[in-house]
Amino acid sequence: MFSTLINGTRDRVAKRRRYNQLVNEIMGMTSRDLADINGNRTDMLHNAYREVYGR
C-alpha cells in the first residue's frame, strides 16, 4: 500500500514536471515563432495538458 502511494506521487510529480517544461517552451515562443508555424498559444497549451494528463 505504501509503495502504491509513493509510485502514484512519483507519477504525478513526473507529469507535472513534463507539463511545466512544455508550458515553458510554449510561453518562450515569440509571436513571430508562432506565426512561422501557424500556431496558436492557447491551443498549444490545451494540447500540452491533454498530452500529459490525457484529458
PDB file of N, CA and C in Angstrom:
ATOM      1  N   MET A   1       0.826  -1.184   0.000  1.00  0.00           N
ATOM      2  CA  MET A   1       0.000   0.000   0.000  1.00  0.00           C
ATOM      3  C   MET A   1       0.875   1.255   0.000  1.00  0.00           C
ATOM      4  N   PHE A   2       1.899   1.262   0.829  1.00  0.00           N
ATOM      5  CA  PHE A   2       2.786   2.422   0.892  1.00  0.00           C
ATOM      6  C   PHE A   2       3.512   2.630  -0.436  1.00  0.00           C
ATOM      7  N   SER A   3       3.944   1.537  -1.059  1.00  0.00           N
ATOM      8  CA  SER A   3       4.649   1.660  -2.340  1.00  0.00           C
ATOM      9  C   SER A   3       3.716   2.190  -3.425  1.00  0.00           C
ATOM     10  N   THR A   4       2.442   1.832  -3.353  1.00  0.00           N
ATOM     11  CA  THR A   4       1.460   2.357  -4.302  1.00  0.00           C
ATOM     12  C   THR A   4       1.324   3.863  -4.154  1.00  0.00           C
ATOM     13  N   LEU A   5       1.301   4.327  -2.934  1.00  0.00           N
ATOM     14  CA  LEU A   5       1.214   5.755  -2.653  1.00  0.00           C
ATOM     15  C   LEU A   5       2.451   6.479  -3.182  1.00  0.00           C
ATOM     16  N   ILE A   6       3.607   5.923  -2.942  1.00  0.00           N
ATOM     17  CA  ILE A   6       4.859   6.525  -3.403  1.00  0.00           C
ATOM     18  C   ILE A   6       4.915   6.552  -4.930  1.00  0.00           C
ATOM     19  N   ASN A   7       4.548   5.444  -5.549  1.00  0.00           N
ATOM     20  CA  ASN A   7       4.569   5.376  -7.020  1.00  0.00           C
ATOM     21  C   ASN A   7       3.586   6.365  -7.637  1.00  0.00           C
ATOM     22  N   GLY A   8       2.416   6.502  -7.033  1.00  0.00           N
ATOM     23  CA  GLY A   8       1.438   7.470  -7.523  1.00  0.00           C
ATOM     24  C   GLY A   8       1.946   8.895  -7.410  1.00  0.00           C
ATOM     25  N   THR A   9       2.603   9.177  -6.315  1.00  0.00           N
ATOM     26  CA  THR A   9       3.167  10.517  -6.112  1.00  0.00           C
ATOM     27  C   THR A   9       4.275  10.783  -7.128  1.00  0.00           C
ATOM     28  N   ARG A  10       5.137   9.804  -7.352  1.00  0.00           N
ATOM     29  CA  ARG A  10       6.204   9.964  -8.350  1.00  0.00           C
ATOM     30  C   ARG A  10       5.628  10.221  -9.735  1.00  0.00           C
ATOM     31  N   ASP A  11       4.577   9.508 -10.068  1.00  0.00           N
ATOM     32  CA  ASP A  11       3.944   9.676 -11.371  1.00  0.00           C
ATOM     33  C   ASP A  11       3.373  11.088 -11.510  1.00  0.00           C
ATOM     34  N   ARG A  12       2.703  11.567 -10.481  1.00  0.00           N
ATOM     35  CA  ARG A  12       2.136  12.916 -10.529  1.00  0.00           C
ATOM     36  C   ARG A  12       3.221  13.983 -10.629  1.00  0.00           C
ATOM     37  N   VAL A  13       4.304  13.793  -9.898  1.00  0.00           N
ATOM     38  CA  VAL A  13       5.412  14.754  -9.958  1.00  0.00           C
ATOM     39  C   VAL A  13       6.040  14.755 -11.352  1.00  0.00           C
ATOM     40  N   ALA A  14       6.219  13.580 -11.936  1.00  0.00           N
ATOM     41  CA  ALA A  14       6.802  13.480 -13.280  1.00  0.00           C
ATOM     42  C   ALA A  14       5.901  14.145 -14.318  1.00  0.00           C
ATOM     43  N   LYS A  15       4.602  13.932 -14.195  1.00  0.00           N
ATOM     44  CA  LYS A  15       3.661  14.562 -15.123  1.00  0.00           C
ATOM     45  C   LYS A  15       3.689  16.069 -14.973  1.00  0.00           C
ATOM     46  N   ARG A  16       3.709  16.552 -13.748  1.00  0.00           N
ATOM     47  CA  ARG A  16       3.736  17.993 -13.509  1.00  0.00           C
ATOM     48  C   ARG A  16       5.024  18.595 -14.069  1.00  0.00           C
ATOM     49  N   ARG A  17       6.139  17.905 -13.886  1.00  0.00           N
ATOM     50  CA  ARG A  17       7.422  18.383 -14.412  1.00  0.00           C
ATOM     51  C   ARG A  17       7.372  18.473 -15.928  1.00  0.00           C
ATOM     52  N   ARG A  18       6.846  17.448 -16.573  1.00  0.00           N
ATOM     53  CA  ARG A  18       6.750  17.441 -18.039  1.00  0.00           C
ATOM     54  C   ARG A  18       5.817  18.542 -18.533  1.00  0.00           C
ATOM     55  N   TYR A  19       4.688  18.717 -17.856  1.00  0.00           N
ATOM     56  CA  TYR A  19       3.751  19.766 -18.250  1.00  0.00           C
ATOM     57  C   TYR A  19       4.404  21.135 -18.112  1.00  0.00           C
ATOM     58  N   ASN A  20       5.104  21.365 -17.014  1.00  0.00           N
ATOM     59  CA  ASN A  20       5.774  22.649 -16.811  1.00  0.00           C
ATOM     60  C   ASN A  20       6.831  22.897 -17.885  1.00  0.00           C
ATOM     61  N   GLN A  21       7.544  21.856 -18.300  1.00  0.00           N
ATOM     62  CA  GLN A  21       8.523  22.006 -19.378  1.00  0.00           C
ATOM     63  C   GLN A  21       7.849  22.438 -20.673  1.00  0.00           C
ATOM     64  N   LEU A  22       6.741  21.783 -20.990  1.00  0.00           N
ATOM     65  CA  LEU A  22       6.016  22.135 -22.212  1.00  0.00           C
ATOM     66  C   LEU A  22       5.477  23.557 -22.153  1.00  0.00           C
ATOM     67  N   VAL A  23       4.921  23.941 -21.014  1.00  0.00           N
ATOM     68  CA  VAL A  23       4.392  25.296 -20.862  1.00  0.00           C
ATOM     69  C   VAL A  23       5.510  26.315 -21.029  1.00  0.00           C
ATOM     70  N   ASN A  24       6.660  26.065 -20.411  1.00  0.00           N
ATOM     71  CA  ASN A  24       7.779  26.997 -20.534  1.00  0.00           C
ATOM     72  C   ASN A  24       8.243  27.133 -21.980  1.00  0.00           C
ATOM     73  N   GLU A  25       8.268  26.024 -22.705  1.00  0.00           N
ATOM     74  CA  GLU A  25       8.654  26.081 -24.112  1.00  0.00           C
ATOM     75  C   GLU A  25       7.645  26.891 -24.920  1.00  0.00           C
ATOM     76  N   ILE A  26       6.377  26.653 -24.685  1.00  0.00           N
ATOM     77  CA  ILE A  26       5.328  27.361 -25.425  1.00  0.00           C
ATOM     78  C   ILE A  26       5.339  28.840 -25.078  1.00  0.00           C
ATOM     79  N   MET A  27       5.451  29.157 -23.804  1.00  0.00           N
ATOM     80  CA  MET A  27       5.440  30.556 -23.388  1.00  0.00           C
ATOM     81  C   MET A  27       6.708  31.300 -23.826  1.00  0.00           C
ATOM     82  N   GLY A  28       7.768  30.554 -24.076  1.00  0.00           N
ATOM     83  CA  GLY A  28       9.009  31.163 -24.532  1.00  0.00           C
ATOM     84  C   GLY A  28       9.013  31.492 -26.017  1.00  0.00           C
ATOM     85  N   MET A  29       8.000  31.030 -26.716  1.00  0.00           N
ATOM     86  CA  MET A  29       7.922  31.305 -28.147  1.00  0.00           C
ATOM     87  C   MET A  29       7.449  32.732 -28.375  1.00  0.00           C
ATOM     88  N   THR A  30       8.078  33.384 -29.332  1.00  0.00           N
ATOM     89  CA  THR A  30       7.653  34.740 -29.681  1.00  0.00           C
ATOM     90  C   THR A  30       6.442  34.669 -30.609  1.00  0.00           C
ATOM     91  N   SER A  31       5.818  35.801 -30.791  1.00  0.00           N
ATOM     92  CA  SER A  31       4.694  35.868 -31.729  1.00  0.00           C
ATOM     93  C   SER A  31       5.158  35.492 -33.129  1.00  0.00           C
ATOM     94  N   ARG A  32       6.367  35.865 -33.435  1.00  0.00           N
ATOM     95  CA  ARG A  32       6.934  35.529 -34.749  1.00  0.00           C
ATOM     96  C   ARG A  32       7.104  34.015 -34.897  1.00  0.00           C
ATOM     97  N   ASP A  33       7.612  33.360 -33.829  1.00  0.00           N
ATOM     98  CA  ASP A  33       7.754  31.904 -33.858  1.00  0.00           C
ATOM     99  C   ASP A  33       6.400  31.242 -34.109  1.00  0.00           C
ATOM    100  N   LEU A  34       5.396  31.717 -33.397  1.00  0.00           N
ATOM    101  CA  LEU A  34       4.059  31.149 -33.545  1.00  0.00           C
ATOM    102  C   LEU A  34       3.523  31.367 -34.958  1.00  0.00           C
ATOM    103  N   ALA A  35       3.759  32.547 -35.504  1.00  0.00           N
ATOM    104  CA  ALA A  35       3.294  32.840 -36.858  1.00  0.00           C
ATOM    105  C   ALA A  35       4.002  31.948 -37.875  1.00  0.00           C
ATOM    106  N   ASP A  36       5.285  31.696 -37.648  1.00  0.00           N
ATOM    107  CA  ASP A  36       6.047  30.857 -38.575  1.00  0.00           C
ATOM    108  C   ASP A  36       5.502  29.434 -38.641  1.00  0.00           C
ATOM    109  N   ILE A  37       5.005  28.934 -37.519  1.00  0.00           N
ATOM    110  CA  ILE A  37       4.481  27.560 -37.519  1.00  0.00           C
ATOM    111  C   ILE A  37       2.953  27.532 -37.569  1.00  0.00           C
ATOM    112  N   ASN A  38       2.371  28.732 -37.767  1.00  0.00           N
ATOM    113  CA  ASN A  38       0.916  28.867 -37.831  1.00  0.00           C
ATOM    114  C   ASN A  38       0.284  28.308 -36.558  1.00  0.00           C
ATOM    115  N   GLY A  39       0.868  28.667 -35.416  1.00  0.00           N
ATOM    116  CA  GLY A  39       0.417  28.135 -34.135  1.00  0.00           C
ATOM    117  C   GLY A  39      -0.410  29.128 -33.340  1.00  0.00           C
ATOM    118  N   ASN A  40      -1.162  28.595 -32.441  1.00  0.00           N
ATOM    119  CA  ASN A  40      -1.977  29.376 -31.525  1.00  0.00           C
ATOM    120  C   ASN A  40      -1.577  28.960 -30.115  1.00  0.00           C
ATOM    121  N   ARG A  41      -1.115  29.911 -29.312  1.00  0.00           N
ATOM    122  CA  ARG A  41      -0.597  29.597 -27.988  1.00  0.00           C
ATOM    123  C   ARG A  41      -1.647  28.906 -27.109  1.00  0.00           C
ATOM    124  N   THR A  42      -2.870  29.361 -27.152  1.00  0.00           N
ATOM    125  CA  THR A  42      -3.929  28.770 -26.330  1.00  0.00           C
ATOM    126  C   THR A  42      -4.167  27.313 -26.707  1.00  0.00           C
ATOM    127  N   ASP A  43      -4.239  27.051 -27.999  1.00  0.00           N
ATOM    128  CA  ASP A  43      -4.437  25.669 -28.452  1.00  0.00           C
ATOM    129  C   ASP A  43      -3.254  24.792 -28.074  1.00  0.00           C
ATOM    130  N   MET A  44      -2.068  25.344 -28.192  1.00  0.00           N
ATOM    131  CA  MET A  44      -0.869  24.574 -27.852  1.00  0.00           C
ATOM    132  C   MET A  44      -0.839  24.229 -26.367  1.00  0.00           C
ATOM    133  N   LEU A  45      -1.224  25.170 -25.516  1.00  0.00           N
ATOM    134  CA  LEU A  45      -1.267  24.895 -24.080  1.00  0.00           C
ATOM    135  C   LEU A  45      -2.319  23.835 -23.761  1.00  0.00           C
ATOM    136  N   HIS A  46      -3.449  23.924 -24.412  1.00  0.00           N
ATOM    137  CA  HIS A  46      -4.513  22.935 -24.214  1.00  0.00           C
ATOM    138  C   HIS A  46      -4.034  21.546 -24.645  1.00  0.00           C
ATOM    139  N   ASN A  47      -3.380  21.489 -25.782  1.00  0.00           N
ATOM    140  CA  ASN A  47      -2.872  20.207 -26.280  1.00  0.00           C
ATOM    141  C   ASN A  47      -1.762  19.650 -25.400  1.00  0.00           C
ATOM    142  N   ALA A  48      -0.953  20.528 -24.836  1.00  0.00           N
ATOM    143  CA  ALA A  48       0.100  20.076 -23.916  1.00  0.00           C
ATOM    144  C   ALA A  48      -0.529  19.426 -22.690  1.00  0.00           C
ATOM    145  N   TYR A  49      -1.568  20.038 -22.166  1.00  0.00           N
ATOM    146  CA  TYR A  49      -2.264  19.478 -21.000  1.00  0.00           C
ATOM    147  C   TYR A  49      -2.845  18.103 -21.333  1.00  0.00           C
ATOM    148  N   ARG A  50      -3.505  18.023 -22.485  1.00  0.00           N
ATOM    149  CA  ARG A  50      -4.089  16.737 -22.890  1.00  0.00           C
ATOM    150  C   ARG A  50      -3.021  15.682 -23.126  1.00  0.00           C
ATOM    151  N   GLU A  51      -1.891  16.087 -23.671  1.00  0.00           N
ATOM    152  CA  GLU A  51      -0.795  15.137 -23.935  1.00  0.00           C
ATOM    153  C   GLU A  51      -0.267  14.553 -22.629  1.00  0.00           C
ATOM    154  N   VAL A  52      -0.127  15.380 -21.605  1.00  0.00           N
ATOM    155  CA  VAL A  52       0.452  14.918 -20.350  1.00  0.00           C
ATOM    156  C   VAL A  52      -0.579  14.196 -19.487  1.00  0.00           C
ATOM    157  N   TYR A  53      -1.760  14.779 -19.357  1.00  0.00           N
ATOM    158  CA  TYR A  53      -2.750  14.247 -18.435  1.00  0.00           C
ATOM    159  C   TYR A  53      -3.830  13.401 -19.094  1.00  0.00           C
ATOM    160  N   GLY A  54      -3.906  13.441 -20.421  1.00  0.00           N
ATOM    161  CA  GLY A  54      -4.845  12.589 -21.137  1.00  0.00           C
ATOM    162  C   GLY A  54      -6.304  12.952 -20.949  1.00  0.00           C
ATOM    163  N   ARG A  55      -6.585  14.202 -20.720  1.00  0.00           N
ATOM    164  CA  ARG A  55      -7.985  14.623 -20.551  1.00  0.00           C
ATOM    165  C   ARG A  55      -8.373  15.608 -21.589  1.00  0.00           C
TER     166      ARG A  55
END
